[in-house]
Amino acid sequence: MKAFVPWLVVLVVILALNALRLRPLATAVAVAWLVYCIWTWVRPNRRSGT
């Protein structure tokens, strides 16, 4: 369940920003979260090096 907390927080923030008619900011948050998720998925594992 703990793994879903960040996702739910980001979703609530995006929905709140949309409700406040701050759609460009909501879009920026969504894109930043997507980039962060992709970065954590594709970045090289530092422990496997040396």
N, C-alpha and C. Protein backbone atom coordinates (compact mmCIF):
# COMPACT_ATOMS: atom_id res chain seq x y z
N MET A 1 0.82 -1.21 0.00
CA MET A 1 0.00 0.00 0.00
C MET A 1 0.86 1.27 0.00
N LYS A 2 2.01 1.20 0.69
CA LYS A 2 2.88 2.38 0.75
C LYS A 2 3.37 2.80 -0.63
N ALA A 3 3.48 1.86 -1.54
CA ALA A 3 3.98 2.18 -2.88
C ALA A 3 3.01 3.06 -3.65
N PHE A 4 1.73 3.02 -3.30
CA PHE A 4 0.74 3.79 -4.03
C PHE A 4 0.55 5.21 -3.49
N VAL A 5 1.08 5.50 -2.32
CA VAL A 5 0.88 6.81 -1.70
C VAL A 5 1.41 7.94 -2.58
N PRO A 6 2.65 7.88 -3.10
CA PRO A 6 3.11 8.98 -3.97
C PRO A 6 2.25 9.16 -5.21
N TRP A 7 1.81 8.05 -5.79
CA TRP A 7 0.95 8.13 -6.97
C TRP A 7 -0.38 8.81 -6.64
N LEU A 8 -0.94 8.44 -5.50
CA LEU A 8 -2.22 9.04 -5.10
C LEU A 8 -2.06 10.52 -4.77
N VAL A 9 -0.96 10.89 -4.14
CA VAL A 9 -0.71 12.30 -3.83
C VAL A 9 -0.59 13.11 -5.11
N VAL A 10 0.17 12.61 -6.07
CA VAL A 10 0.32 13.32 -7.34
C VAL A 10 -1.03 13.43 -8.05
N LEU A 11 -1.80 12.37 -8.03
CA LEU A 11 -3.12 12.40 -8.66
C LEU A 11 -4.02 13.44 -8.01
N VAL A 12 -4.03 13.49 -6.69
CA VAL A 12 -4.84 14.48 -5.98
C VAL A 12 -4.38 15.89 -6.29
N VAL A 13 -3.08 16.11 -6.35
CA VAL A 13 -2.55 17.44 -6.67
C VAL A 13 -2.98 17.85 -8.07
N ILE A 14 -2.88 16.95 -9.01
CA ILE A 14 -3.26 17.26 -10.40
C ILE A 14 -4.75 17.57 -10.48
N LEU A 15 -5.57 16.76 -9.82
CA LEU A 15 -7.01 17.01 -9.84
C LEU A 15 -7.36 18.33 -9.16
N ALA A 16 -6.68 18.65 -8.07
CA ALA A 16 -6.93 19.91 -7.38
C ALA A 16 -6.54 21.10 -8.25
N LEU A 17 -5.41 21.00 -8.92
CA LEU A 17 -4.98 22.10 -9.79
C LEU A 17 -5.94 22.27 -10.96
N ASN A 18 -6.44 21.17 -11.49
CA ASN A 18 -7.44 21.27 -12.56
C ASN A 18 -8.72 21.91 -12.06
N ALA A 19 -9.12 21.55 -10.84
CA ALA A 19 -10.34 22.13 -10.27
C ALA A 19 -10.18 23.63 -10.04
N LEU A 20 -8.96 24.05 -9.74
CA LEU A 20 -8.69 25.48 -9.53
C LEU A 20 -8.38 26.21 -10.84
N ARG A 21 -8.59 25.51 -11.95
CA ARG A 21 -8.35 26.06 -13.29
C ARG A 21 -6.89 26.47 -13.50
N LEU A 22 -5.99 25.69 -12.90
CA LEU A 22 -4.56 25.90 -13.10
C LEU A 22 -4.02 24.75 -13.96
N ARG A 23 -4.64 24.58 -15.12
CA ARG A 23 -4.30 23.43 -15.96
C ARG A 23 -2.85 23.44 -16.44
N PRO A 24 -2.25 24.59 -16.78
CA PRO A 24 -0.83 24.53 -17.18
C PRO A 24 0.07 24.02 -16.05
N LEU A 25 -0.22 24.41 -14.82
CA LEU A 25 0.57 23.93 -13.69
C LEU A 25 0.31 22.44 -13.45
N ALA A 26 -0.94 22.02 -13.60
CA ALA A 26 -1.26 20.59 -13.46
C ALA A 26 -0.55 19.77 -14.53
N THR A 27 -0.49 20.30 -15.73
CA THR A 27 0.22 19.61 -16.81
C THR A 27 1.70 19.52 -16.50
N ALA A 28 2.27 20.59 -15.96
CA ALA A 28 3.69 20.58 -15.61
C ALA A 28 3.98 19.55 -14.52
N VAL A 29 3.11 19.46 -13.53
CA VAL A 29 3.28 18.47 -12.47
C VAL A 29 3.20 17.06 -13.06
N ALA A 30 2.24 16.82 -13.93
CA ALA A 30 2.08 15.49 -14.52
C ALA A 30 3.29 15.11 -15.37
N VAL A 31 3.78 16.05 -16.16
CA VAL A 31 4.94 15.77 -17.01
C VAL A 31 6.19 15.55 -16.16
N ALA A 32 6.35 16.35 -15.12
CA ALA A 32 7.51 16.17 -14.23
C ALA A 32 7.46 14.82 -13.54
N TRP A 33 6.28 14.39 -13.11
CA TRP A 33 6.14 13.08 -12.47
C TRP A 33 6.45 11.96 -13.46
N LEU A 34 5.99 12.11 -14.68
CA LEU A 34 6.27 11.11 -15.71
C LEU A 34 7.77 11.02 -15.98
N VAL A 35 8.43 12.16 -16.11
CA VAL A 35 9.88 12.17 -16.35
C VAL A 35 10.62 11.54 -15.17
N TYR A 36 10.18 11.85 -13.96
CA TYR A 36 10.81 11.25 -12.78
C TYR A 36 10.65 9.73 -12.78
N CYS A 37 9.46 9.26 -13.10
CA CYS A 37 9.22 7.82 -13.12
C CYS A 37 10.06 7.13 -14.19
N ILE A 38 10.14 7.72 -15.35
CA ILE A 38 10.95 7.14 -16.43
C ILE A 38 12.42 7.15 -16.03
N TRP A 39 12.88 8.25 -15.43
CA TRP A 39 14.28 8.35 -15.02
C TRP A 39 14.62 7.27 -13.99
N THR A 40 13.76 7.05 -13.02
CA THR A 40 14.06 6.04 -12.01
C THR A 40 14.00 4.63 -12.60
N TRP A 41 13.29 4.47 -13.69
CA TRP A 41 13.18 3.16 -14.31
C TRP A 41 14.39 2.85 -15.20
N VAL A 42 14.90 3.85 -15.92
CA VAL A 42 15.95 3.59 -16.91
C VAL A 42 17.35 3.94 -16.43
N ARG A 43 17.47 4.63 -15.30
CA ARG A 43 18.81 5.02 -14.86
C ARG A 43 19.63 3.78 -14.51
N PRO A 44 20.92 3.86 -14.71
CA PRO A 44 21.76 2.69 -14.39
C PRO A 44 21.80 2.46 -12.88
N ASN A 45 21.87 1.22 -12.52
CA ASN A 45 21.95 0.85 -11.11
C ASN A 45 23.36 1.12 -10.62
N ARG A 46 23.48 1.96 -9.61
CA ARG A 46 24.82 2.35 -9.12
C ARG A 46 25.51 1.22 -8.36
N ARG A 47 24.76 0.32 -7.79
CA ARG A 47 25.34 -0.75 -6.98
C ARG A 47 26.02 -1.83 -7.84
N SER A 48 25.62 -1.97 -9.09
CA SER A 48 26.16 -3.04 -9.92
C SER A 48 27.52 -2.69 -10.53
N GLY A 49 27.96 -1.45 -10.39
CA GLY A 49 29.22 -1.01 -11.01
C GLY A 49 30.43 -1.59 -10.34
N THR A 50 30.84 -1.04 -9.21
CA THR A 50 32.05 -1.50 -8.55
C THR A 50 31.76 -2.00 -7.17
